[in-house]
Amino acid sequence: MQLQAESPRCPVRVFLVDDHEIVRSGLKVLVEAQPDMSVVGEAAEGLAGLRGVAELAPDVVVMDLSMPVLGGVEATERIRATSPGVKVLALTAREERAYVDLLMAAGASGYVLKRSAADALVRAIREIAAGGVYLDPTLLELGLAPQQRPASQPPAGSRLSEREAEVLRHIAEGHAVKDIAGMLTISPRTLETYRARAMDKLALKTRADIVRYALKRGWLKSD
């Protein structure tokens, strides 16, 4: 009986989403250097990433967090909803628990810090491509494993006015109420009205909730 040679394993197909071209170039070189991986596409923002993923059906998407047009959290949610077979690996400079929880709650299978060694990213891609979950060891050392019960998300369909969104964005960035009122040329009392109305629409209770919402919308440029 003649035995057929075993077929070579198909490489892990990787799609890169990051708004910094130099970062994407470095990631592409790193991934392409692996015998079991290949880069099938890349995008500079989340919406283009969604289109690329729908067209190319990669195995793993390496996703930046803060990007124009569509941030990494919402892009991850949409990818997981429309392409459930595609795994998402978050790659970011942020080490705060809120970021970890948001990405994992959105459906990411892994979270790697940009300051980590290159081999950590490679290990993470292999791990989640095989169906596992990967969290950067630095986060585990800091006690920042994801919470079992992620923070609740704002009600779907909530709509903010342009001024309400502007107020929340400034609050999330850490500006004081008096300073925000000056920037927007409105009174502090009027600003509080916009803030209260926006928080009521989104069922937000604290400033931390505002920050989480801003992160989810991709408003905070952090890495």
N, C-alpha and C. Protein backbone atom coordinates (compact mmCIF):
# COMPACT_ATOMS: atom_id res chain seq x y z
N MET A 1 0.85 -1.19 0.00
CA MET A 1 0.00 0.00 0.00
C MET A 1 0.88 1.24 0.00
N GLN A 2 0.57 2.16 -0.89
CA GLN A 2 1.36 3.38 -1.00
C GLN A 2 0.78 4.48 -0.11
N LEU A 3 1.61 5.08 0.69
CA LEU A 3 1.18 6.14 1.60
C LEU A 3 1.43 7.50 0.95
N GLN A 4 0.46 8.37 1.05
CA GLN A 4 0.62 9.72 0.53
C GLN A 4 1.34 10.57 1.57
N ALA A 5 2.16 11.46 1.07
CA ALA A 5 2.85 12.36 1.99
C ALA A 5 1.83 13.27 2.67
N GLU A 6 2.09 13.56 3.95
CA GLU A 6 1.19 14.42 4.71
C GLU A 6 1.20 15.84 4.14
N SER A 7 0.01 16.40 3.97
CA SER A 7 -0.09 17.76 3.42
C SER A 7 0.46 18.76 4.42
N PRO A 8 1.19 19.75 3.93
CA PRO A 8 1.70 20.77 4.84
C PRO A 8 0.55 21.55 5.48
N ARG A 9 0.73 21.92 6.74
CA ARG A 9 -0.31 22.65 7.44
C ARG A 9 -0.46 24.04 6.83
N CYS A 10 -1.72 24.45 6.64
CA CYS A 10 -1.97 25.77 6.07
C CYS A 10 -1.52 26.84 7.07
N PRO A 11 -0.90 27.89 6.58
CA PRO A 11 -0.46 28.94 7.50
C PRO A 11 -1.66 29.67 8.10
N VAL A 12 -1.44 30.25 9.28
CA VAL A 12 -2.46 31.08 9.92
C VAL A 12 -2.55 32.38 9.12
N ARG A 13 -3.73 32.70 8.67
CA ARG A 13 -3.95 33.89 7.84
C ARG A 13 -4.26 35.08 8.76
N VAL A 14 -3.42 36.10 8.71
CA VAL A 14 -3.49 37.22 9.65
C VAL A 14 -3.85 38.51 8.92
N PHE A 15 -4.73 39.29 9.53
CA PHE A 15 -5.12 40.61 9.01
C PHE A 15 -4.73 41.65 10.05
N LEU A 16 -4.06 42.72 9.62
CA LEU A 16 -3.55 43.74 10.53
C LEU A 16 -4.40 45.02 10.46
N VAL A 17 -4.81 45.54 11.63
CA VAL A 17 -5.57 46.79 11.68
C VAL A 17 -4.90 47.72 12.68
N ASP A 18 -4.24 48.76 12.17
CA ASP A 18 -3.55 49.74 13.01
C ASP A 18 -3.41 51.02 12.20
N ASP A 19 -3.62 52.17 12.84
CA ASP A 19 -3.59 53.42 12.08
C ASP A 19 -2.18 53.97 11.88
N HIS A 20 -1.16 53.30 12.41
CA HIS A 20 0.22 53.73 12.19
C HIS A 20 0.88 52.81 11.15
N GLU A 21 1.22 53.39 10.02
CA GLU A 21 1.79 52.58 8.94
C GLU A 21 3.08 51.89 9.36
N ILE A 22 3.90 52.58 10.16
CA ILE A 22 5.18 51.99 10.56
C ILE A 22 4.95 50.79 11.46
N VAL A 23 3.89 50.84 12.27
CA VAL A 23 3.56 49.70 13.14
C VAL A 23 3.10 48.53 12.28
N ARG A 24 2.23 48.79 11.32
CA ARG A 24 1.76 47.71 10.45
C ARG A 24 2.92 47.08 9.68
N SER A 25 3.85 47.91 9.21
CA SER A 25 5.00 47.39 8.46
C SER A 25 5.84 46.46 9.34
N GLY A 26 6.07 46.89 10.59
CA GLY A 26 6.85 46.05 11.49
C GLY A 26 6.14 44.75 11.81
N LEU A 27 4.83 44.83 12.03
CA LEU A 27 4.07 43.62 12.32
C LEU A 27 4.07 42.66 11.13
N LYS A 28 3.97 43.23 9.94
CA LYS A 28 3.96 42.39 8.74
C LYS A 28 5.27 41.64 8.59
N VAL A 29 6.39 42.33 8.81
CA VAL A 29 7.70 41.67 8.72
C VAL A 29 7.79 40.55 9.75
N LEU A 30 7.32 40.82 10.97
CA LEU A 30 7.38 39.82 12.04
C LEU A 30 6.54 38.59 11.70
N VAL A 31 5.31 38.83 11.27
CA VAL A 31 4.41 37.71 10.97
C VAL A 31 4.89 36.91 9.77
N GLU A 32 5.31 37.61 8.71
CA GLU A 32 5.75 36.92 7.50
C GLU A 32 7.03 36.11 7.72
N ALA A 33 7.77 36.43 8.77
CA ALA A 33 8.99 35.67 9.08
C ALA A 33 8.68 34.31 9.69
N GLN A 34 7.43 34.10 10.09
CA GLN A 34 7.05 32.82 10.70
C GLN A 34 6.64 31.83 9.61
N PRO A 35 7.13 30.60 9.68
CA PRO A 35 6.81 29.63 8.62
C PRO A 35 5.34 29.21 8.61
N ASP A 36 4.64 29.45 9.71
CA ASP A 36 3.25 29.00 9.81
C ASP A 36 2.26 30.16 9.81
N MET A 37 2.68 31.33 9.31
CA MET A 37 1.79 32.49 9.28
C MET A 37 1.96 33.27 7.99
N SER A 38 0.92 33.99 7.61
CA SER A 38 1.02 34.90 6.48
C SER A 38 0.06 36.06 6.68
N VAL A 39 0.45 37.24 6.22
CA VAL A 39 -0.42 38.42 6.29
C VAL A 39 -1.22 38.49 5.00
N VAL A 40 -2.55 38.46 5.13
CA VAL A 40 -3.40 38.46 3.94
C VAL A 40 -3.99 39.84 3.64
N GLY A 41 -3.84 40.77 4.59
CA GLY A 41 -4.38 42.11 4.35
C GLY A 41 -4.12 43.02 5.54
N GLU A 42 -4.37 44.30 5.33
CA GLU A 42 -4.17 45.27 6.40
C GLU A 42 -5.06 46.47 6.17
N ALA A 43 -5.33 47.22 7.26
CA ALA A 43 -6.17 48.41 7.19
C ALA A 43 -5.70 49.42 8.22
N ALA A 44 -5.98 50.70 7.94
CA ALA A 44 -5.52 51.78 8.80
C ALA A 44 -6.59 52.25 9.77
N GLU A 45 -7.79 51.72 9.69
CA GLU A 45 -8.85 52.08 10.63
C GLU A 45 -9.91 50.97 10.64
N GLY A 46 -10.77 51.02 11.67
CA GLY A 46 -11.67 49.91 11.93
C GLY A 46 -12.67 49.61 10.83
N LEU A 47 -13.24 50.64 10.21
CA LEU A 47 -14.25 50.40 9.18
C LEU A 47 -13.65 49.70 7.97
N ALA A 48 -12.47 50.14 7.55
CA ALA A 48 -11.77 49.47 6.45
C ALA A 48 -11.39 48.05 6.87
N GLY A 49 -11.07 47.89 8.14
CA GLY A 49 -10.77 46.56 8.65
C GLY A 49 -11.96 45.61 8.53
N LEU A 50 -13.14 46.12 8.85
CA LEU A 50 -14.36 45.31 8.72
C LEU A 50 -14.55 44.82 7.29
N ARG A 51 -14.36 45.74 6.34
CA ARG A 51 -14.53 45.37 4.93
C ARG A 51 -13.49 44.33 4.51
N GLY A 52 -12.24 44.53 4.96
CA GLY A 52 -11.19 43.58 4.61
C GLY A 52 -11.42 42.20 5.19
N VAL A 53 -11.89 42.16 6.44
CA VAL A 53 -12.16 40.87 7.08
C VAL A 53 -13.30 40.15 6.37
N ALA A 54 -14.35 40.90 6.01
CA ALA A 54 -15.47 40.28 5.30
C ALA A 54 -15.05 39.71 3.95
N GLU A 55 -14.12 40.38 3.29
CA GLU A 55 -13.68 39.95 1.96
C GLU A 55 -12.68 38.80 2.03
N LEU A 56 -11.75 38.86 2.99
CA LEU A 56 -10.62 37.92 3.00
C LEU A 56 -10.77 36.77 3.99
N ALA A 57 -11.68 36.89 4.96
CA ALA A 57 -11.92 35.85 5.96
C ALA A 57 -10.62 35.31 6.57
N PRO A 58 -9.85 36.16 7.25
CA PRO A 58 -8.61 35.69 7.88
C PRO A 58 -8.91 34.81 9.09
N ASP A 59 -7.89 34.18 9.61
CA ASP A 59 -8.05 33.39 10.84
C ASP A 59 -7.96 34.29 12.07
N VAL A 60 -7.04 35.26 12.03
CA VAL A 60 -6.78 36.13 13.17
C VAL A 60 -6.67 37.58 12.69
N VAL A 61 -7.32 38.48 13.43
CA VAL A 61 -7.16 39.91 13.19
C VAL A 61 -6.37 40.50 14.35
N VAL A 62 -5.26 41.15 14.06
CA VAL A 62 -4.50 41.87 15.08
C VAL A 62 -5.03 43.30 15.09
N MET A 63 -5.66 43.69 16.21
CA MET A 63 -6.46 44.92 16.25
C MET A 63 -5.89 45.96 17.20
N ASP A 64 -5.63 47.16 16.68
CA ASP A 64 -5.26 48.30 17.51
C ASP A 64 -6.51 48.76 18.26
N LEU A 65 -6.32 49.53 19.32
CA LEU A 65 -7.45 49.99 20.12
C LEU A 65 -7.99 51.34 19.66
N SER A 66 -7.13 52.35 19.59
CA SER A 66 -7.57 53.72 19.27
C SER A 66 -7.25 54.05 17.83
N MET A 67 -8.31 54.21 17.03
CA MET A 67 -8.14 54.49 15.60
C MET A 67 -9.21 55.46 15.15
N PRO A 68 -8.99 56.17 14.04
CA PRO A 68 -10.03 57.05 13.50
C PRO A 68 -11.15 56.24 12.87
N VAL A 69 -12.27 56.91 12.66
CA VAL A 69 -13.46 56.37 11.99
C VAL A 69 -14.18 55.35 12.87
N LEU A 70 -13.50 54.27 13.22
CA LEU A 70 -14.10 53.23 14.04
C LEU A 70 -13.02 52.65 14.95
N GLY A 71 -13.23 52.72 16.26
CA GLY A 71 -12.24 52.24 17.21
C GLY A 71 -12.17 50.73 17.29
N GLY A 72 -11.15 50.23 17.97
CA GLY A 72 -10.91 48.79 18.04
C GLY A 72 -11.98 48.01 18.77
N VAL A 73 -12.59 48.62 19.81
CA VAL A 73 -13.62 47.90 20.57
C VAL A 73 -14.84 47.62 19.70
N GLU A 74 -15.35 48.67 19.06
CA GLU A 74 -16.54 48.49 18.22
C GLU A 74 -16.23 47.64 17.00
N ALA A 75 -15.04 47.80 16.42
CA ALA A 75 -14.66 46.97 15.28
C ALA A 75 -14.61 45.50 15.68
N THR A 76 -14.10 45.23 16.87
CA THR A 76 -14.05 43.84 17.37
C THR A 76 -15.45 43.28 17.53
N GLU A 77 -16.35 44.06 18.12
CA GLU A 77 -17.73 43.61 18.29
C GLU A 77 -18.37 43.25 16.95
N ARG A 78 -18.17 44.12 15.97
CA ARG A 78 -18.80 43.89 14.66
C ARG A 78 -18.21 42.67 13.96
N ILE A 79 -16.89 42.51 14.06
CA ILE A 79 -16.26 41.34 13.44
C ILE A 79 -16.78 40.06 14.07
N ARG A 80 -16.87 40.03 15.39
CA ARG A 80 -17.34 38.83 16.06
C ARG A 80 -18.80 38.54 15.74
N ALA A 81 -19.58 39.60 15.48
CA ALA A 81 -20.99 39.41 15.16
C ALA A 81 -21.20 38.92 13.73
N THR A 82 -20.39 39.44 12.80
CA THR A 82 -20.58 39.11 11.39
C THR A 82 -19.69 37.98 10.90
N SER A 83 -18.55 37.78 11.57
CA SER A 83 -17.61 36.72 11.18
C SER A 83 -17.16 35.97 12.42
N PRO A 84 -18.05 35.19 13.04
CA PRO A 84 -17.74 34.56 14.32
C PRO A 84 -16.55 33.60 14.28
N GLY A 85 -16.18 33.13 13.10
CA GLY A 85 -15.05 32.23 13.00
C GLY A 85 -13.70 32.94 13.04
N VAL A 86 -13.71 34.27 12.94
CA VAL A 86 -12.48 35.06 12.94
C VAL A 86 -12.13 35.44 14.37
N LYS A 87 -10.91 35.20 14.78
CA LYS A 87 -10.44 35.53 16.12
C LYS A 87 -9.79 36.92 16.10
N VAL A 88 -9.96 37.66 17.18
CA VAL A 88 -9.38 39.01 17.28
C VAL A 88 -8.37 39.06 18.42
N LEU A 89 -7.19 39.58 18.09
CA LEU A 89 -6.13 39.78 19.08
C LEU A 89 -5.91 41.28 19.24
N ALA A 90 -6.18 41.81 20.43
CA ALA A 90 -5.96 43.23 20.69
C ALA A 90 -4.48 43.49 20.93
N LEU A 91 -3.96 44.52 20.27
CA LEU A 91 -2.56 44.92 20.44
C LEU A 91 -2.54 46.40 20.76
N THR A 92 -2.16 46.75 21.99
CA THR A 92 -2.29 48.13 22.46
C THR A 92 -1.23 48.47 23.48
N ALA A 93 -1.06 49.77 23.70
CA ALA A 93 -0.12 50.24 24.71
C ALA A 93 -0.78 50.35 26.08
N ARG A 94 -2.10 50.22 26.14
CA ARG A 94 -2.83 50.46 27.38
C ARG A 94 -2.81 49.25 28.30
N GLU A 95 -2.55 49.51 29.60
CA GLU A 95 -2.46 48.45 30.59
C GLU A 95 -3.56 48.51 31.65
N GLU A 96 -4.49 49.48 31.54
CA GLU A 96 -5.53 49.63 32.54
C GLU A 96 -6.60 48.54 32.39
N ARG A 97 -7.19 48.14 33.53
CA ARG A 97 -8.20 47.10 33.53
C ARG A 97 -9.38 47.43 32.62
N ALA A 98 -9.79 48.71 32.58
CA ALA A 98 -10.95 49.08 31.77
C ALA A 98 -10.75 48.68 30.30
N TYR A 99 -9.54 48.87 29.81
CA TYR A 99 -9.24 48.51 28.41
C TYR A 99 -9.30 47.00 28.21
N VAL A 100 -8.70 46.27 29.15
CA VAL A 100 -8.71 44.81 29.05
C VAL A 100 -10.14 44.29 29.06
N ASP A 101 -10.94 44.75 30.01
CA ASP A 101 -12.31 44.29 30.13
C ASP A 101 -13.14 44.62 28.89
N LEU A 102 -12.95 45.85 28.37
CA LEU A 102 -13.72 46.25 27.19
C LEU A 102 -13.43 45.37 25.99
N LEU A 103 -12.15 45.13 25.73
CA LEU A 103 -11.80 44.32 24.55
C LEU A 103 -12.25 42.87 24.70
N MET A 104 -12.06 42.31 25.89
CA MET A 104 -12.45 40.92 26.09
C MET A 104 -13.98 40.78 26.06
N ALA A 105 -14.68 41.76 26.64
CA ALA A 105 -16.14 41.74 26.59
C ALA A 105 -16.65 41.90 25.15
N ALA A 106 -15.91 42.63 24.33
CA ALA A 106 -16.30 42.82 22.93
C ALA A 106 -16.09 41.56 22.10
N GLY A 107 -15.33 40.60 22.63
CA GLY A 107 -15.15 39.34 21.92
C GLY A 107 -13.73 39.03 21.51
N ALA A 108 -12.77 39.85 21.94
CA ALA A 108 -11.37 39.55 21.62
C ALA A 108 -10.94 38.27 22.32
N SER A 109 -10.08 37.52 21.68
CA SER A 109 -9.56 36.27 22.26
C SER A 109 -8.20 36.45 22.91
N GLY A 110 -7.62 37.64 22.75
CA GLY A 110 -6.30 37.87 23.33
C GLY A 110 -6.00 39.34 23.46
N TYR A 111 -5.03 39.67 24.31
CA TYR A 111 -4.67 41.06 24.60
C TYR A 111 -3.17 41.11 24.81
N VAL A 112 -2.45 41.79 23.93
CA VAL A 112 -1.00 41.87 23.99
C VAL A 112 -0.57 43.34 24.04
N LEU A 113 0.40 43.64 24.89
CA LEU A 113 0.91 45.00 25.00
C LEU A 113 1.96 45.26 23.93
N LYS A 114 1.96 46.46 23.38
CA LYS A 114 2.91 46.80 22.33
C LYS A 114 4.35 46.80 22.83
N ARG A 115 4.53 47.00 24.12
CA ARG A 115 5.90 47.00 24.65
C ARG A 115 6.44 45.61 24.93
N SER A 116 5.62 44.60 24.75
CA SER A 116 6.07 43.23 24.99
C SER A 116 7.03 42.77 23.90
N ALA A 117 7.75 41.70 24.20
CA ALA A 117 8.68 41.14 23.22
C ALA A 117 7.91 40.64 22.00
N ALA A 118 8.58 40.66 20.86
CA ALA A 118 7.94 40.26 19.62
C ALA A 118 7.42 38.83 19.68
N ASP A 119 8.13 37.95 20.39
CA ASP A 119 7.69 36.55 20.42
C ASP A 119 6.37 36.39 21.17
N ALA A 120 6.00 37.38 22.03
CA ALA A 120 4.71 37.31 22.72
C ALA A 120 3.57 37.44 21.72
N LEU A 121 3.73 38.31 20.75
CA LEU A 121 2.70 38.46 19.72
C LEU A 121 2.57 37.20 18.90
N VAL A 122 3.69 36.62 18.53
CA VAL A 122 3.66 35.39 17.74
C VAL A 122 2.98 34.27 18.52
N ARG A 123 3.33 34.14 19.80
CA ARG A 123 2.69 33.11 20.64
C ARG A 123 1.20 33.35 20.74
N ALA A 124 0.82 34.61 20.89
CA ALA A 124 -0.60 34.94 21.03
C ALA A 124 -1.37 34.58 19.77
N ILE A 125 -0.82 34.89 18.61
CA ILE A 125 -1.51 34.55 17.35
C ILE A 125 -1.70 33.05 17.24
N ARG A 126 -0.66 32.29 17.53
CA ARG A 126 -0.77 30.83 17.46
C ARG A 126 -1.81 30.30 18.45
N GLU A 127 -1.79 30.87 19.66
CA GLU A 127 -2.69 30.40 20.72
C GLU A 127 -4.15 30.61 20.35
N ILE A 128 -4.49 31.83 19.91
CA ILE A 128 -5.90 32.07 19.64
C ILE A 128 -6.34 31.44 18.32
N ALA A 129 -5.42 31.28 17.38
CA ALA A 129 -5.76 30.59 16.13
C ALA A 129 -6.14 29.15 16.40
N ALA A 130 -5.56 28.59 17.47
CA ALA A 130 -5.84 27.20 17.85
C ALA A 130 -7.07 27.10 18.76
N GLY A 131 -7.72 28.23 19.00
CA GLY A 131 -8.94 28.21 19.80
C GLY A 131 -8.76 28.60 21.25
N GLY A 132 -7.55 29.02 21.61
CA GLY A 132 -7.28 29.40 22.99
C GLY A 132 -7.49 30.87 23.25
N VAL A 133 -7.13 31.28 24.47
CA VAL A 133 -7.20 32.68 24.89
C VAL A 133 -5.82 33.08 25.39
N TYR A 134 -5.37 34.29 25.03
CA TYR A 134 -4.04 34.74 25.44
C TYR A 134 -4.13 36.12 26.08
N LEU A 135 -3.55 36.23 27.28
CA LEU A 135 -3.46 37.51 27.96
C LEU A 135 -2.00 37.78 28.25
N ASP A 136 -1.52 38.98 27.91
CA ASP A 136 -0.12 39.33 28.10
C ASP A 136 0.32 39.02 29.53
N PRO A 137 1.43 38.30 29.72
CA PRO A 137 1.90 37.95 31.07
C PRO A 137 2.10 39.16 31.98
N THR A 138 2.46 40.30 31.42
CA THR A 138 2.63 41.50 32.24
C THR A 138 1.33 41.88 32.93
N LEU A 139 0.22 41.72 32.23
CA LEU A 139 -1.07 42.04 32.82
C LEU A 139 -1.42 41.09 33.95
N LEU A 140 -1.08 39.82 33.79
CA LEU A 140 -1.32 38.85 34.84
C LEU A 140 -0.50 39.18 36.08
N GLU A 141 0.75 39.61 35.86
CA GLU A 141 1.61 39.98 36.98
C GLU A 141 1.05 41.18 37.74
N LEU A 142 0.37 42.07 37.01
CA LEU A 142 -0.22 43.26 37.63
C LEU A 142 -1.60 42.98 38.22
N GLY A 143 -2.04 41.73 38.10
CA GLY A 143 -3.36 41.38 38.62
C GLY A 143 -4.49 41.92 37.78
N LEU A 144 -4.28 42.05 36.47
CA LEU A 144 -5.28 42.67 35.60
C LEU A 144 -5.96 41.66 34.69
N ALA A 145 -6.14 40.44 35.17
CA ALA A 145 -6.92 39.47 34.39
C ALA A 145 -8.34 40.01 34.23
N PRO A 146 -8.99 39.72 33.11
CA PRO A 146 -10.34 40.26 32.88
C PRO A 146 -11.30 39.85 33.97
N GLN A 147 -12.23 40.74 34.30
CA GLN A 147 -13.27 40.41 35.26
C GLN A 147 -14.21 39.37 34.67
N GLN A 148 -14.73 38.51 35.54
CA GLN A 148 -15.63 37.47 35.07
C GLN A 148 -16.92 38.06 34.51
N ARG A 149 -17.35 39.18 35.08
CA ARG A 149 -18.58 39.81 34.63
C ARG A 149 -18.26 41.19 34.10
N PRO A 150 -18.13 41.36 32.79
CA PRO A 150 -17.74 42.65 32.23
C PRO A 150 -18.75 43.74 32.53
N ALA A 151 -18.25 44.98 32.48
CA ALA A 151 -19.13 46.12 32.74
C ALA A 151 -20.25 46.17 31.72
N SER A 152 -21.42 46.62 32.16
CA SER A 152 -22.57 46.69 31.26
C SER A 152 -22.33 47.73 30.18
N GLN A 153 -22.88 47.48 29.02
CA GLN A 153 -22.71 48.38 27.88
C GLN A 153 -23.89 49.34 27.78
N PRO A 154 -23.70 50.51 27.18
CA PRO A 154 -24.80 51.46 27.01
C PRO A 154 -25.92 50.85 26.18
N PRO A 155 -27.16 51.26 26.40
CA PRO A 155 -28.27 50.72 25.64
C PRO A 155 -28.08 50.91 24.15
N ALA A 156 -28.41 49.88 23.38
CA ALA A 156 -28.28 49.98 21.93
C ALA A 156 -29.26 51.02 21.41
N GLY A 157 -28.86 51.75 20.41
CA GLY A 157 -29.75 52.70 19.78
C GLY A 157 -29.78 54.07 20.42
N SER A 158 -29.05 54.26 21.53
CA SER A 158 -29.01 55.57 22.17
C SER A 158 -28.36 56.57 21.21
N ARG A 159 -28.92 57.76 21.13
CA ARG A 159 -28.41 58.76 20.21
C ARG A 159 -28.11 60.05 20.95
N LEU A 160 -26.90 60.51 20.84
CA LEU A 160 -26.49 61.77 21.45
C LEU A 160 -26.51 62.87 20.40
N SER A 161 -26.83 64.09 20.86
CA SER A 161 -26.67 65.23 19.98
C SER A 161 -25.17 65.50 19.83
N GLU A 162 -24.82 66.32 18.84
CA GLU A 162 -23.41 66.63 18.62
C GLU A 162 -22.80 67.29 19.85
N ARG A 163 -23.53 68.19 20.50
CA ARG A 163 -23.00 68.88 21.67
C ARG A 163 -22.90 67.93 22.87
N GLU A 164 -23.85 67.05 23.04
CA GLU A 164 -23.79 66.08 24.14
C GLU A 164 -22.57 65.18 23.99
N ALA A 165 -22.32 64.71 22.76
CA ALA A 165 -21.15 63.88 22.51
C ALA A 165 -19.87 64.65 22.76
N GLU A 166 -19.85 65.92 22.37
CA GLU A 166 -18.67 66.75 22.57
C GLU A 166 -18.36 66.92 24.05
N VAL A 167 -19.40 67.13 24.86
CA VAL A 167 -19.22 67.28 26.30
C VAL A 167 -18.67 66.00 26.91
N LEU A 168 -19.26 64.86 26.56
CA LEU A 168 -18.78 63.59 27.11
C LEU A 168 -17.33 63.32 26.70
N ARG A 169 -16.99 63.67 25.47
CA ARG A 169 -15.62 63.44 25.00
C ARG A 169 -14.61 64.24 25.83
N HIS A 170 -14.93 65.48 26.11
CA HIS A 170 -14.03 66.31 26.91
C HIS A 170 -13.93 65.81 28.34
N ILE A 171 -15.05 65.35 28.90
CA ILE A 171 -15.02 64.80 30.26
C ILE A 171 -14.16 63.55 30.30
N ALA A 172 -14.30 62.68 29.30
CA ALA A 172 -13.51 61.45 29.25
C ALA A 172 -12.02 61.75 29.13
N GLU A 173 -11.69 62.85 28.48
CA GLU A 173 -10.28 63.23 28.33
C GLU A 173 -9.69 63.83 29.60
N GLY A 174 -10.54 64.03 30.62
CA GLY A 174 -10.04 64.47 31.91
C GLY A 174 -10.10 65.97 32.16
N HIS A 175 -10.76 66.73 31.29
CA HIS A 175 -10.85 68.18 31.49
C HIS A 175 -11.86 68.51 32.59
N ALA A 176 -11.59 69.57 33.32
CA ALA A 176 -12.50 70.04 34.36
C ALA A 176 -13.72 70.71 33.72
N VAL A 177 -14.84 70.70 34.47
CA VAL A 177 -16.08 71.27 33.95
C VAL A 177 -15.90 72.73 33.55
N LYS A 178 -15.22 73.51 34.39
CA LYS A 178 -15.02 74.92 34.10
C LYS A 178 -14.22 75.11 32.81
N ASP A 179 -13.20 74.27 32.61
CA ASP A 179 -12.38 74.38 31.40
C ASP A 179 -13.17 73.99 30.16
N ILE A 180 -13.98 72.94 30.28
CA ILE A 180 -14.79 72.50 29.14
C ILE A 180 -15.78 73.60 28.75
N ALA A 181 -16.42 74.20 29.76
CA ALA A 181 -17.37 75.27 29.48
C ALA A 181 -16.69 76.41 28.73
N GLY A 182 -15.46 76.73 29.12
CA GLY A 182 -14.73 77.77 28.43
C GLY A 182 -14.41 77.41 27.00
N MET A 183 -14.00 76.17 26.78
CA MET A 183 -13.67 75.73 25.42
C MET A 183 -14.89 75.76 24.51
N LEU A 184 -16.06 75.44 25.07
CA LEU A 184 -17.28 75.36 24.26
C LEU A 184 -18.08 76.66 24.29
N THR A 185 -17.57 77.66 25.04
CA THR A 185 -18.22 78.96 25.20
C THR A 185 -19.68 78.82 25.65
N ILE A 186 -19.87 78.00 26.67
CA ILE A 186 -21.18 77.86 27.30
C ILE A 186 -20.98 77.98 28.81
N SER A 187 -22.04 78.17 29.55
CA SER A 187 -21.93 78.29 30.99
C SER A 187 -21.76 76.90 31.61
N PRO A 188 -21.13 76.83 32.79
CA PRO A 188 -21.01 75.54 33.49
C PRO A 188 -22.37 74.89 33.72
N ARG A 189 -23.38 75.70 33.98
CA ARG A 189 -24.72 75.16 34.21
C ARG A 189 -25.27 74.50 32.96
N THR A 190 -25.07 75.15 31.82
CA THR A 190 -25.53 74.55 30.56
C THR A 190 -24.76 73.28 30.26
N LEU A 191 -23.46 73.30 30.55
CA LEU A 191 -22.65 72.11 30.33
C LEU A 191 -23.17 70.94 31.18
N GLU A 192 -23.51 71.22 32.44
CA GLU A 192 -24.03 70.17 33.31
C GLU A 192 -25.34 69.60 32.77
N THR A 193 -26.12 70.46 32.14
CA THR A 193 -27.37 69.98 31.54
C THR A 193 -27.09 69.00 30.41
N TYR A 194 -26.14 69.37 29.55
CA TYR A 194 -25.75 68.45 28.45
C TYR A 194 -25.20 67.14 29.01
N ARG A 195 -24.35 67.25 30.04
CA ARG A 195 -23.75 66.05 30.62
C ARG A 195 -24.83 65.13 31.21
N ALA A 196 -25.74 65.71 31.99
CA ALA A 196 -26.79 64.91 32.62
C ALA A 196 -27.70 64.26 31.58
N ARG A 197 -28.03 65.02 30.53
CA ARG A 197 -28.90 64.49 29.48
C ARG A 197 -28.22 63.32 28.76
N ALA A 198 -26.93 63.49 28.45
CA ALA A 198 -26.21 62.43 27.75
C ALA A 198 -26.08 61.19 28.62
N MET A 199 -25.75 61.37 29.89
CA MET A 199 -25.60 60.23 30.79
C MET A 199 -26.93 59.50 30.98
N ASP A 200 -28.02 60.26 31.02
CA ASP A 200 -29.33 59.64 31.14
C ASP A 200 -29.67 58.81 29.91
N LYS A 201 -29.37 59.35 28.73
CA LYS A 201 -29.64 58.61 27.49
C LYS A 201 -28.88 57.29 27.44
N LEU A 202 -27.64 57.31 27.94
CA LEU A 202 -26.76 56.15 27.84
C LEU A 202 -26.76 55.28 29.10
N ALA A 203 -27.54 55.67 30.10
CA ALA A 203 -27.59 54.95 31.37
C ALA A 203 -26.21 54.87 32.02
N LEU A 204 -25.46 55.96 31.94
CA LEU A 204 -24.14 56.03 32.56
C LEU A 204 -24.29 56.65 33.94
N LYS A 205 -23.53 56.14 34.90
CA LYS A 205 -23.67 56.60 36.29
C LYS A 205 -22.46 57.38 36.78
N THR A 206 -21.29 57.05 36.33
CA THR A 206 -20.06 57.65 36.87
C THR A 206 -19.15 58.12 35.74
N ARG A 207 -18.10 58.87 36.12
CA ARG A 207 -17.12 59.29 35.13
C ARG A 207 -16.42 58.08 34.51
N ALA A 208 -16.21 57.03 35.31
CA ALA A 208 -15.59 55.82 34.77
C ALA A 208 -16.45 55.23 33.65
N ASP A 209 -17.79 55.32 33.82
CA ASP A 209 -18.67 54.84 32.75
C ASP A 209 -18.50 55.69 31.49
N ILE A 210 -18.31 56.99 31.68
CA ILE A 210 -18.11 57.88 30.53
C ILE A 210 -16.82 57.51 29.80
N VAL A 211 -15.76 57.23 30.57
CA VAL A 211 -14.48 56.84 29.96
C VAL A 211 -14.63 55.55 29.19
N ARG A 212 -15.34 54.58 29.76
CA ARG A 212 -15.56 53.31 29.05
C ARG A 212 -16.32 53.53 27.75
N TYR A 213 -17.34 54.38 27.81
CA TYR A 213 -18.10 54.68 26.60
C TYR A 213 -17.22 55.34 25.54
N ALA A 214 -16.39 56.29 25.98
CA ALA A 214 -15.49 56.97 25.05
C ALA A 214 -14.51 56.00 24.42
N LEU A 215 -14.01 55.07 25.19
CA LEU A 215 -13.10 54.06 24.65
C LEU A 215 -13.81 53.20 23.62
N LYS A 216 -15.01 52.81 23.93
CA LYS A 216 -15.78 51.96 23.02
C LYS A 216 -16.04 52.66 21.69
N ARG A 217 -16.25 53.99 21.77
CA ARG A 217 -16.50 54.74 20.55
C ARG A 217 -15.22 55.13 19.82
N GLY A 218 -14.05 54.85 20.43
CA GLY A 218 -12.79 55.21 19.78
C GLY A 218 -12.46 56.67 19.88
N TRP A 219 -13.01 57.37 20.89
CA TRP A 219 -12.78 58.80 21.03
C TRP A 219 -11.41 59.13 21.62
N LEU A 220 -10.86 58.25 22.42
CA LEU A 220 -9.63 58.55 23.13
C LEU A 220 -8.44 58.05 22.35
N LYS A 221 -7.60 58.93 21.91
CA LYS A 221 -6.37 58.57 21.19
C LYS A 221 -5.30 58.28 22.21
N SER A 222 -4.99 57.00 22.41
CA SER A 222 -4.14 56.64 23.53
C SER A 222 -2.91 55.84 23.15
N ASP A 223 -2.79 55.36 21.94
CA ASP A 223 -1.61 54.58 21.57
C ASP A 223 -1.32 54.72 20.09
